[in-house]
Structure formats: structure tokens, C-alpha cells
Amino acid sequence: MIVVLDPHLPPRLADLERLDRLHAEVHGPFDAVRLGDLCERADDEHVWLHVGRARTIGVATAADPAFGDGFDAMIGYAASKGWLNDAGTHVRAHVEAAV
């Protein structure tokens, strides 16, 4: 799953069928992207993705009706690696420049 970040558009989720690789894809300068309520900046290399909002968006828009189960498994894996915040409400996603 990709969190698409752009200076001119609100954040959106893409590649919902790929739950084995979560990252943020930045179009333009990272300092200029819009983050909104889906994610927030963690540092120069990561964003915090809101787990509940991302799940809700994914369930509503994914073609696969089993998206929710796959998403939960992805978040469980992230938790096992220590990639959730202390409250478990946000998962850390690495930032990559769009190609």
C-alpha cells in the first residue's frame, strides 16, 4: 500500500492490493506536501499513517472484499516490528521520492 503525498492534493492511498509493502510516495518536496488528517510528518524519512482512517478508506475503496483482514495482518506485522506509535493509532511509513 502506498500513501501518495503531493503539494497540490490531499493524501490518498494507492496500490491497496499490495499489503506487503507500506510506504509513502512523495511527489515534489517533502516539506511542501499536504498531510491532512490521514497522516502526519514523523521526521525527514517517515510519516505516521493513521491506522483507523487508512483502514476505513481501504475497506470502502479496495476491490478485494478481504482488504480489512489483510490490512489488519499488515498492522499486526508492523506492531511486531515496533512500527506503531505507543497508542497503536499510527503506523510509521518510510518516505520515498516518486519516480
PDB file of N, CA and C in Angstrom:
ATOM      1  N   MET A   1       0.852  -1.169   0.000  1.00  0.00           N
ATOM      2  CA  MET A   1       0.000   0.000   0.000  1.00  0.00           C
ATOM      3  C   MET A   1       0.897   1.230   0.000  1.00  0.00           C
ATOM      4  N   ILE A   2       0.501   2.213  -0.747  1.00  0.00           N
ATOM      5  CA  ILE A   2       1.262   3.451  -0.864  1.00  0.00           C
ATOM      6  C   ILE A   2       0.401   4.615  -0.379  1.00  0.00           C
ATOM      7  N   VAL A   3       0.993   5.476   0.418  1.00  0.00           N
ATOM      8  CA  VAL A   3       0.382   6.743   0.791  1.00  0.00           C
ATOM      9  C   VAL A   3       0.966   7.769  -0.177  1.00  0.00           C
ATOM     10  N   VAL A   4       0.145   8.309  -1.051  1.00  0.00           N
ATOM     11  CA  VAL A   4       0.615   9.254  -2.051  1.00  0.00           C
ATOM     12  C   VAL A   4       0.501  10.668  -1.471  1.00  0.00           C
ATOM     13  N   LEU A   5       1.655  11.364  -1.431  1.00  0.00           N
ATOM     14  CA  LEU A   5       1.709  12.717  -0.882  1.00  0.00           C
ATOM     15  C   LEU A   5       2.115  13.685  -1.983  1.00  0.00           C
ATOM     16  N   ASP A   6       1.380  14.787  -2.054  1.00  0.00           N
ATOM     17  CA  ASP A   6       1.580  15.754  -3.126  1.00  0.00           C
ATOM     18  C   ASP A   6       1.362  17.159  -2.559  1.00  0.00           C
ATOM     19  N   PRO A   7       2.109  18.156  -3.025  1.00  0.00           N
ATOM     20  CA  PRO A   7       1.895  19.512  -2.531  1.00  0.00           C
ATOM     21  C   PRO A   7       0.536  20.099  -2.913  1.00  0.00           C
ATOM     22  N   HIS A   8      -0.100  19.572  -3.976  1.00  0.00           N
ATOM     23  CA  HIS A   8      -1.315  20.172  -4.507  1.00  0.00           C
ATOM     24  C   HIS A   8      -2.590  19.376  -4.225  1.00  0.00           C
ATOM     25  N   LEU A   9      -2.447  18.180  -3.681  1.00  0.00           N
ATOM     26  CA  LEU A   9      -3.605  17.313  -3.460  1.00  0.00           C
ATOM     27  C   LEU A   9      -3.584  16.742  -2.046  1.00  0.00           C
ATOM     28  N   PRO A  10      -4.746  16.412  -1.513  1.00  0.00           N
ATOM     29  CA  PRO A  10      -4.767  15.739  -0.204  1.00  0.00           C
ATOM     30  C   PRO A  10      -4.125  14.353  -0.311  1.00  0.00           C
ATOM     31  N   PRO A  11      -3.627  13.815   0.778  1.00  0.00           N
ATOM     32  CA  PRO A  11      -3.058  12.467   0.742  1.00  0.00           C
ATOM     33  C   PRO A  11      -4.102  11.452   0.283  1.00  0.00           C
ATOM     34  N   ARG A  12      -3.623  10.415  -0.398  1.00  0.00           N
ATOM     35  CA  ARG A  12      -4.532   9.344  -0.823  1.00  0.00           C
ATOM     36  C   ARG A  12      -3.793   8.018  -0.735  1.00  0.00           C
ATOM     37  N   LEU A  13      -4.552   6.943  -0.718  1.00  0.00           N
ATOM     38  CA  LEU A  13      -3.987   5.602  -0.685  1.00  0.00           C
ATOM     39  C   LEU A  13      -4.025   5.009  -2.084  1.00  0.00           C
ATOM     40  N   ALA A  14      -2.967   4.297  -2.444  1.00  0.00           N
ATOM     41  CA  ALA A  14      -2.878   3.633  -3.743  1.00  0.00           C
ATOM     42  C   ALA A  14      -2.310   2.230  -3.534  1.00  0.00           C
ATOM     43  N   ASP A  15      -2.387   1.415  -4.563  1.00  0.00           N
ATOM     44  CA  ASP A  15      -1.901   0.024  -4.510  1.00  0.00           C
ATOM     45  C   ASP A  15      -2.444  -0.722  -3.292  1.00  0.00           C
ATOM     46  N   LEU A  16      -3.750  -0.641  -3.112  1.00  0.00           N
ATOM     47  CA  LEU A  16      -4.379  -1.262  -1.942  1.00  0.00           C
ATOM     48  C   LEU A  16      -4.227  -2.782  -1.922  1.00  0.00           C
ATOM     49  N   GLU A  17      -3.970  -3.381  -3.083  1.00  0.00           N
ATOM     50  CA  GLU A  17      -3.794  -4.834  -3.125  1.00  0.00           C
ATOM     51  C   GLU A  17      -2.409  -5.260  -2.640  1.00  0.00           C
ATOM     52  N   ARG A  18      -1.483  -4.328  -2.495  1.00  0.00           N
ATOM     53  CA  ARG A  18      -0.105  -4.626  -2.049  1.00  0.00           C
ATOM     54  C   ARG A  18       0.039  -4.320  -0.561  1.00  0.00           C
ATOM     55  N   LEU A  19      -0.372  -5.219   0.274  1.00  0.00           N
ATOM     56  CA  LEU A  19      -0.289  -5.006   1.718  1.00  0.00           C
ATOM     57  C   LEU A  19       1.002  -5.556   2.311  1.00  0.00           C
ATOM     58  N   ASP A  20       1.929  -5.934   1.445  1.00  0.00           N
ATOM     59  CA  ASP A  20       3.214  -6.447   1.927  1.00  0.00           C
ATOM     60  C   ASP A  20       4.304  -5.378   1.912  1.00  0.00           C
ATOM     61  N   ARG A  21       3.946  -4.157   1.519  1.00  0.00           N
ATOM     62  CA  ARG A  21       4.952  -3.098   1.453  1.00  0.00           C
ATOM     63  C   ARG A  21       4.272  -1.745   1.637  1.00  0.00           C
ATOM     64  N   LEU A  22       4.294  -1.233   2.843  1.00  0.00           N
ATOM     65  CA  LEU A  22       3.718   0.072   3.145  1.00  0.00           C
ATOM     66  C   LEU A  22       4.809   1.137   3.059  1.00  0.00           C
ATOM     67  N   HIS A  23       4.544   2.185   2.294  1.00  0.00           N
ATOM     68  CA  HIS A  23       5.452   3.325   2.264  1.00  0.00           C
ATOM     69  C   HIS A  23       4.696   4.553   1.756  1.00  0.00           C
ATOM     70  N   ALA A  24       5.315   5.718   1.927  1.00  0.00           N
ATOM     71  CA  ALA A  24       4.751   6.961   1.411  1.00  0.00           C
ATOM     72  C   ALA A  24       5.553   7.381   0.191  1.00  0.00           C
ATOM     73  N   GLU A  25       4.851   7.782  -0.848  1.00  0.00           N
ATOM     74  CA  GLU A  25       5.484   8.219  -2.086  1.00  0.00           C
ATOM     75  C   GLU A  25       5.253   9.726  -2.213  1.00  0.00           C
ATOM     76  N   VAL A  26       6.344  10.479  -2.255  1.00  0.00           N
ATOM     77  CA  VAL A  26       6.263  11.932  -2.257  1.00  0.00           C
ATOM     78  C   VAL A  26       6.478  12.481  -3.664  1.00  0.00           C
ATOM     79  N   HIS A  27       5.523  13.274  -4.122  1.00  0.00           N
ATOM     80  CA  HIS A  27       5.609  13.966  -5.410  1.00  0.00           C
ATOM     81  C   HIS A  27       5.952  15.414  -5.097  1.00  0.00           C
ATOM     82  N   GLY A  28       7.176  15.796  -5.379  1.00  0.00           N
ATOM     83  CA  GLY A  28       7.624  17.146  -5.057  1.00  0.00           C
ATOM     84  C   GLY A  28       8.384  17.170  -3.743  1.00  0.00           C
ATOM     85  N   PRO A  29       8.698  18.366  -3.240  1.00  0.00           N
ATOM     86  CA  PRO A  29       9.459  18.478  -1.994  1.00  0.00           C
ATOM     87  C   PRO A  29       8.631  18.005  -0.792  1.00  0.00           C
ATOM     88  N   PHE A  30       9.251  17.199   0.050  1.00  0.00           N
ATOM     89  CA  PHE A  30       8.559  16.657   1.218  1.00  0.00           C
ATOM     90  C   PHE A  30       8.041  17.770   2.121  1.00  0.00           C
ATOM     91  N   ASP A  31       8.782  18.847   2.245  1.00  0.00           N
ATOM     92  CA  ASP A  31       8.356  19.962   3.096  1.00  0.00           C
ATOM     93  C   ASP A  31       7.093  20.649   2.579  1.00  0.00           C
ATOM     94  N   ALA A  32       6.762  20.455   1.307  1.00  0.00           N
ATOM     95  CA  ALA A  32       5.623  21.151   0.704  1.00  0.00           C
ATOM     96  C   ALA A  32       4.363  20.294   0.603  1.00  0.00           C
ATOM     97  N   VAL A  33       4.431  18.994   0.905  1.00  0.00           N
ATOM     98  CA  VAL A  33       3.267  18.133   0.704  1.00  0.00           C
ATOM     99  C   VAL A  33       2.169  18.431   1.717  1.00  0.00           C
ATOM    100  N   ARG A  34       0.940  18.175   1.297  1.00  0.00           N
ATOM    101  CA  ARG A  34      -0.218  18.306   2.184  1.00  0.00           C
ATOM    102  C   ARG A  34      -0.381  16.991   2.941  1.00  0.00           C
ATOM    103  N   LEU A  35      -0.600  17.067   4.238  1.00  0.00           N
ATOM    104  CA  LEU A  35      -0.731  15.849   5.034  1.00  0.00           C
ATOM    105  C   LEU A  35      -2.152  15.610   5.510  1.00  0.00           C
ATOM    106  N   GLY A  36      -2.895  16.597   5.901  1.00  0.00           N
ATOM    107  CA  GLY A  36      -4.283  16.413   6.311  1.00  0.00           C
ATOM    108  C   GLY A  36      -4.415  15.541   7.542  1.00  0.00           C
ATOM    109  N   ASP A  37      -5.548  14.844   7.661  1.00  0.00           N
ATOM    110  CA  ASP A  37      -5.789  14.027   8.851  1.00  0.00           C
ATOM    111  C   ASP A  37      -5.473  12.545   8.626  1.00  0.00           C
ATOM    112  N   LEU A  38      -5.002  12.187   7.435  1.00  0.00           N
ATOM    113  CA  LEU A  38      -4.633  10.799   7.158  1.00  0.00           C
ATOM    114  C   LEU A  38      -3.247  10.468   7.693  1.00  0.00           C
ATOM    115  N   CYS A  39      -2.357  11.441   7.668  1.00  0.00           N
ATOM    116  CA  CYS A  39      -1.005  11.181   8.169  1.00  0.00           C
ATOM    117  C   CYS A  39      -0.361  12.475   8.644  1.00  0.00           C
ATOM    118  N   GLU A  40       0.712  12.303   9.381  1.00  0.00           N
ATOM    119  CA  GLU A  40       1.473  13.449   9.860  1.00  0.00           C
ATOM    120  C   GLU A  40       2.951  13.143   9.728  1.00  0.00           C
ATOM    121  N   ARG A  41       3.725  14.174   9.647  1.00  0.00           N
ATOM    122  CA  ARG A  41       5.170  14.033   9.482  1.00  0.00           C
ATOM    123  C   ARG A  41       5.783  13.509  10.780  1.00  0.00           C
ATOM    124  N   ALA A  42       6.603  12.459  10.675  1.00  0.00           N
ATOM    125  CA  ALA A  42       7.315  11.917  11.832  1.00  0.00           C
ATOM    126  C   ALA A  42       8.719  12.514  11.909  1.00  0.00           C
ATOM    127  N   ASP A  43       9.414  12.510  10.783  1.00  0.00           N
ATOM    128  CA  ASP A  43      10.762  13.065  10.669  1.00  0.00           C
ATOM    129  C   ASP A  43      11.050  13.229   9.181  1.00  0.00           C
ATOM    130  N   ASP A  44      12.303  13.436   8.819  1.00  0.00           N
ATOM    131  CA  ASP A  44      12.633  13.664   7.413  1.00  0.00           C
ATOM    132  C   ASP A  44      12.515  12.420   6.540  1.00  0.00           C
ATOM    133  N   GLU A  45      12.328  11.246   7.152  1.00  0.00           N
ATOM    134  CA  GLU A  45      12.290   9.995   6.395  1.00  0.00           C
ATOM    135  C   GLU A  45      11.012   9.188   6.579  1.00  0.00           C
ATOM    136  N   HIS A  46      10.095   9.652   7.452  1.00  0.00           N
ATOM    137  CA  HIS A  46       8.893   8.876   7.766  1.00  0.00           C
ATOM    138  C   HIS A  46       7.680   9.774   7.995  1.00  0.00           C
ATOM    139  N   VAL A  47       6.510   9.186   7.758  1.00  0.00           N
ATOM    140  CA  VAL A  47       5.254   9.789   8.186  1.00  0.00           C
ATOM    141  C   VAL A  47       4.550   8.802   9.106  1.00  0.00           C
ATOM    142  N   TRP A  48       3.664   9.321   9.933  1.00  0.00           N
ATOM    143  CA  TRP A  48       2.789   8.491  10.745  1.00  0.00           C
ATOM    144  C   TRP A  48       1.447   8.407  10.030  1.00  0.00           C
ATOM    145  N   LEU A  49       1.043   7.216   9.629  1.00  0.00           N
ATOM    146  CA  LEU A  49      -0.241   6.987   8.959  1.00  0.00           C
ATOM    147  C   LEU A  49      -1.276   6.606  10.010  1.00  0.00           C
ATOM    148  N   HIS A  50      -2.412   7.280   9.994  1.00  0.00           N
ATOM    149  CA  HIS A  50      -3.487   6.994  10.940  1.00  0.00           C
ATOM    150  C   HIS A  50      -4.108   5.642  10.572  1.00  0.00           C
ATOM    151  N   VAL A  51      -3.969   4.667  11.445  1.00  0.00           N
ATOM    152  CA  VAL A  51      -4.396   3.291  11.168  1.00  0.00           C
ATOM    153  C   VAL A  51      -5.904   3.210  10.913  1.00  0.00           C
ATOM    154  N   GLY A  52      -6.709   3.788  11.781  1.00  0.00           N
ATOM    155  CA  GLY A  52      -8.160   3.703  11.642  1.00  0.00           C
ATOM    156  C   GLY A  52      -8.679   4.349  10.369  1.00  0.00           C
ATOM    157  N   ARG A  53      -8.166   5.531  10.056  1.00  0.00           N
ATOM    158  CA  ARG A  53      -8.610   6.219   8.841  1.00  0.00           C
ATOM    159  C   ARG A  53      -8.182   5.454   7.596  1.00  0.00           C
ATOM    160  N   ALA A  54      -6.944   4.966   7.587  1.00  0.00           N
ATOM    161  CA  ALA A  54      -6.458   4.214   6.430  1.00  0.00           C
ATOM    162  C   ALA A  54      -7.287   2.946   6.224  1.00  0.00           C
ATOM    163  N   ARG A  55      -7.619   2.249   7.308  1.00  0.00           N
ATOM    164  CA  ARG A  55      -8.423   1.029   7.200  1.00  0.00           C
ATOM    165  C   ARG A  55      -9.804   1.352   6.639  1.00  0.00           C
ATOM    166  N   THR A  56     -10.423   2.409   7.152  1.00  0.00           N
ATOM    167  CA  THR A  56     -11.754   2.803   6.693  1.00  0.00           C
ATOM    168  C   THR A  56     -11.743   3.140   5.205  1.00  0.00           C
ATOM    169  N   ILE A  57     -10.766   3.922   4.774  1.00  0.00           N
ATOM    170  CA  ILE A  57     -10.651   4.278   3.355  1.00  0.00           C
ATOM    171  C   ILE A  57     -10.425   3.028   2.514  1.00  0.00           C
ATOM    172  N   GLY A  58      -9.532   2.165   2.964  1.00  0.00           N
ATOM    173  CA  GLY A  58      -9.229   0.951   2.217  1.00  0.00           C
ATOM    174  C   GLY A  58     -10.419   0.027   2.079  1.00  0.00           C
ATOM    175  N   VAL A  59     -11.127  -0.201   3.173  1.00  0.00           N
ATOM    176  CA  VAL A  59     -12.310  -1.075   3.128  1.00  0.00           C
ATOM    177  C   VAL A  59     -13.348  -0.503   2.169  1.00  0.00           C
ATOM    178  N   ALA A  60     -13.498   0.815   2.153  1.00  0.00           N
ATOM    179  CA  ALA A  60     -14.504   1.457   1.304  1.00  0.00           C
ATOM    180  C   ALA A  60     -14.116   1.459  -0.174  1.00  0.00           C
ATOM    181  N   THR A  61     -12.815   1.427  -0.475  1.00  0.00           N
ATOM    182  CA  THR A  61     -12.402   1.601  -1.875  1.00  0.00           C
ATOM    183  C   THR A  61     -11.692   0.408  -2.499  1.00  0.00           C
ATOM    184  N   ALA A  62     -11.230  -0.536  -1.715  1.00  0.00           N
ATOM    185  CA  ALA A  62     -10.497  -1.679  -2.264  1.00  0.00           C
ATOM    186  C   ALA A  62     -11.425  -2.595  -3.060  1.00  0.00           C
ATOM    187  N   ALA A  63     -10.903  -3.165  -4.108  1.00  0.00           N
ATOM    188  CA  ALA A  63     -11.668  -4.112  -4.917  1.00  0.00           C
ATOM    189  C   ALA A  63     -11.834  -5.443  -4.187  1.00  0.00           C
ATOM    190  N   ASP A  64     -10.882  -5.797  -3.355  1.00  0.00           N
ATOM    191  CA  ASP A  64     -10.897  -7.072  -2.641  1.00  0.00           C
ATOM    192  C   ASP A  64     -11.717  -6.955  -1.362  1.00  0.00           C
ATOM    193  N   PRO A  65     -12.781  -7.742  -1.219  1.00  0.00           N
ATOM    194  CA  PRO A  65     -13.594  -7.664  -0.008  1.00  0.00           C
ATOM    195  C   PRO A  65     -12.846  -8.117   1.248  1.00  0.00           C
ATOM    196  N   ALA A  66     -11.720  -8.788   1.084  1.00  0.00           N
ATOM    197  CA  ALA A  66     -10.928  -9.238   2.233  1.00  0.00           C
ATOM    198  C   ALA A  66      -9.862  -8.218   2.631  1.00  0.00           C
ATOM    199  N   PHE A  67      -9.961  -6.998   2.086  1.00  0.00           N
ATOM    200  CA  PHE A  67      -8.960  -5.976   2.386  1.00  0.00           C
ATOM    201  C   PHE A  67      -8.782  -5.781   3.888  1.00  0.00           C
ATOM    202  N   GLY A  68      -9.878  -5.688   4.629  1.00  0.00           N
ATOM    203  CA  GLY A  68      -9.801  -5.430   6.072  1.00  0.00           C
ATOM    204  C   GLY A  68      -8.952  -6.457   6.795  1.00  0.00           C
ATOM    205  N   ASP A  69      -9.130  -7.742   6.463  1.00  0.00           N
ATOM    206  CA  ASP A  69      -8.334  -8.792   7.098  1.00  0.00           C
ATOM    207  C   ASP A  69      -6.855  -8.655   6.742  1.00  0.00           C
ATOM    208  N   GLY A  70      -6.574  -8.373   5.482  1.00  0.00           N
ATOM    209  CA  GLY A  70      -5.191  -8.190   5.057  1.00  0.00           C
ATOM    210  C   GLY A  70      -4.560  -6.967   5.694  1.00  0.00           C
ATOM    211  N   PHE A  71      -5.327  -5.892   5.792  1.00  0.00           N
ATOM    212  CA  PHE A  71      -4.833  -4.671   6.431  1.00  0.00           C
ATOM    213  C   PHE A  71      -4.503  -4.941   7.899  1.00  0.00           C
ATOM    214  N   ASP A  72      -5.401  -5.638   8.578  1.00  0.00           N
ATOM    215  CA  ASP A  72      -5.163  -5.962   9.992  1.00  0.00           C
ATOM    216  C   ASP A  72      -3.903  -6.808  10.162  1.00  0.00           C
ATOM    217  N   ALA A  73      -3.672  -7.735   9.247  1.00  0.00           N
ATOM    218  CA  ALA A  73      -2.456  -8.554   9.297  1.00  0.00           C
ATOM    219  C   ALA A  73      -1.217  -7.682   9.077  1.00  0.00           C
ATOM    220  N   MET A  74      -1.302  -6.738   8.146  1.00  0.00           N
ATOM    221  CA  MET A  74      -0.179  -5.825   7.905  1.00  0.00           C
ATOM    222  C   MET A  74       0.127  -5.006   9.159  1.00  0.00           C
ATOM    223  N   ILE A  75      -0.897  -4.500   9.809  1.00  0.00           N
ATOM    224  CA  ILE A  75      -0.695  -3.700  11.020  1.00  0.00           C
ATOM    225  C   ILE A  75      -0.175  -4.578  12.157  1.00  0.00           C
ATOM    226  N   GLY A  76      -0.639  -5.810  12.240  1.00  0.00           N
ATOM    227  CA  GLY A  76      -0.103  -6.739  13.233  1.00  0.00           C
ATOM    228  C   GLY A  76       1.385  -6.981  13.035  1.00  0.00           C
ATOM    229  N   TYR A  77       1.794  -7.144  11.792  1.00  0.00           N
ATOM    230  CA  TYR A  77       3.218  -7.313  11.484  1.00  0.00           C
ATOM    231  C   TYR A  77       3.994  -6.059  11.877  1.00  0.00           C
ATOM    232  N   ALA A  78       3.455  -4.896  11.520  1.00  0.00           N
ATOM    233  CA  ALA A  78       4.120  -3.632  11.873  1.00  0.00           C
ATOM    234  C   ALA A  78       4.256  -3.503  13.389  1.00  0.00           C
ATOM    235  N   ALA A  79       3.232  -3.904  14.117  1.00  0.00           N
ATOM    236  CA  ALA A  79       3.300  -3.850  15.586  1.00  0.00           C
ATOM    237  C   ALA A  79       4.401  -4.752  16.112  1.00  0.00           C
ATOM    238  N   SER A  80       4.556  -5.929  15.502  1.00  0.00           N
ATOM    239  CA  SER A  80       5.586  -6.871  15.962  1.00  0.00           C
ATOM    240  C   SER A  80       6.997  -6.332  15.730  1.00  0.00           C
ATOM    241  N   LYS A  81       7.132  -5.389  14.795  1.00  0.00           N
ATOM    242  CA  LYS A  81       8.429  -4.784  14.475  1.00  0.00           C
ATOM    243  C   LYS A  81       8.656  -3.471  15.224  1.00  0.00           C
ATOM    244  N   GLY A  82       7.646  -3.034  15.986  1.00  0.00           N
ATOM    245  CA  GLY A  82       7.773  -1.785  16.733  1.00  0.00           C
ATOM    246  C   GLY A  82       7.503  -0.545  15.898  1.00  0.00           C
ATOM    247  N   TRP A  83       6.725  -0.675  14.819  1.00  0.00           N
ATOM    248  CA  TRP A  83       6.484   0.433  13.905  1.00  0.00           C
ATOM    249  C   TRP A  83       5.197   1.195  14.194  1.00  0.00           C
ATOM    250  N   LEU A  84       4.532   0.884  15.306  1.00  0.00           N
ATOM    251  CA  LEU A  84       3.342   1.649  15.705  1.00  0.00           C
ATOM    252  C   LEU A  84       3.732   2.640  16.792  1.00  0.00           C
ATOM    253  N   ASN A  85       2.966   3.727  16.891  1.00  0.00           N
ATOM    254  CA  ASN A  85       3.209   4.643  17.991  1.00  0.00           C
ATOM    255  C   ASN A  85       2.744   3.978  19.293  1.00  0.00           C
ATOM    256  N   ASP A  86       3.030   4.600  20.418  1.00  0.00           N
ATOM    257  CA  ASP A  86       2.715   3.997  21.712  1.00  0.00           C
ATOM    258  C   ASP A  86       1.230   3.703  21.882  1.00  0.00           C
ATOM    259  N   ALA A  87       0.382   4.547  21.341  1.00  0.00           N
ATOM    260  CA  ALA A  87      -1.062   4.351  21.466  1.00  0.00           C
ATOM    261  C   ALA A  87      -1.595   3.322  20.473  1.00  0.00           C
ATOM    262  N   GLY A  88      -0.798   2.954  19.469  1.00  0.00           N
ATOM    263  CA  GLY A  88      -1.242   2.000  18.453  1.00  0.00           C
ATOM    264  C   GLY A  88      -2.172   2.604  17.424  1.00  0.00           C
ATOM    265  N   THR A  89      -2.255   3.928  17.377  1.00  0.00           N
ATOM    266  CA  THR A  89      -3.170   4.600  16.453  1.00  0.00           C
ATOM    267  C   THR A  89      -2.533   4.951  15.119  1.00  0.00           C
ATOM    268  N   HIS A  90      -1.190   4.975  15.058  1.00  0.00           N
ATOM    269  CA  HIS A  90      -0.476   5.367  13.842  1.00  0.00           C
ATOM    270  C   HIS A  90       0.649   4.375  13.561  1.00  0.00           C
ATOM    271  N   VAL A  91       0.857   4.109  12.278  1.00  0.00           N
ATOM    272  CA  VAL A  91       1.944   3.235  11.848  1.00  0.00           C
ATOM    273  C   VAL A  91       2.952   4.085  11.068  1.00  0.00           C
ATOM    274  N   ARG A  92       4.217   3.815  11.299  1.00  0.00           N
ATOM    275  CA  ARG A  92       5.285   4.567  10.632  1.00  0.00           C
ATOM    276  C   ARG A  92       5.479   4.039   9.211  1.00  0.00           C
ATOM    277  N   ALA A  93       5.535   4.959   8.258  1.00  0.00           N
ATOM    278  CA  ALA A  93       5.751   4.603   6.852  1.00  0.00           C
ATOM    279  C   ALA A  93       6.970   5.374   6.331  1.00  0.00           C
ATOM    280  N   HIS A  94       7.874   4.649   5.693  1.00  0.00           N
ATOM    281  CA  HIS A  94       9.063   5.245   5.102  1.00  0.00           C
ATOM    282  C   HIS A  94       8.675   6.110   3.906  1.00  0.00           C
ATOM    283  N   VAL A  95       9.351   7.238   3.747  1.00  0.00           N
ATOM    284  CA  VAL A  95       9.083   8.166   2.653  1.00  0.00           C
ATOM    285  C   VAL A  95      10.050   7.909   1.507  1.00  0.00           C
ATOM    286  N   GLU A  96       9.512   7.788   0.298  1.00  0.00           N
ATOM    287  CA  GLU A  96      10.316   7.624  -0.917  1.00  0.00           C
ATOM    288  C   GLU A  96       9.897   8.675  -1.932  1.00  0.00           C
ATOM    289  N   ALA A  97      10.848   9.175  -2.679  1.00  0.00           N
ATOM    290  CA  ALA A  97      10.529  10.119  -3.751  1.00  0.00           C
ATOM    291  C   ALA A  97       9.859   9.368  -4.895  1.00  0.00           C
ATOM    292  N   ALA A  98       8.845   9.984  -5.493  1.00  0.00           N
ATOM    293  CA  ALA A  98       8.170   9.379  -6.643  1.00  0.00           C
ATOM    294  C   ALA A  98       9.130   9.301  -7.807  1.00  0.00           C
ATOM    295  N   VAL A  99       9.042   8.222  -8.556  1.00  0.00           N
ATOM    296  CA  VAL A  99       9.920   8.027  -9.704  1.00  0.00           C
ATOM    297  C   VAL A  99       9.250   8.464 -10.973  1.00  0.00           C
TER     298      VAL A  99
END
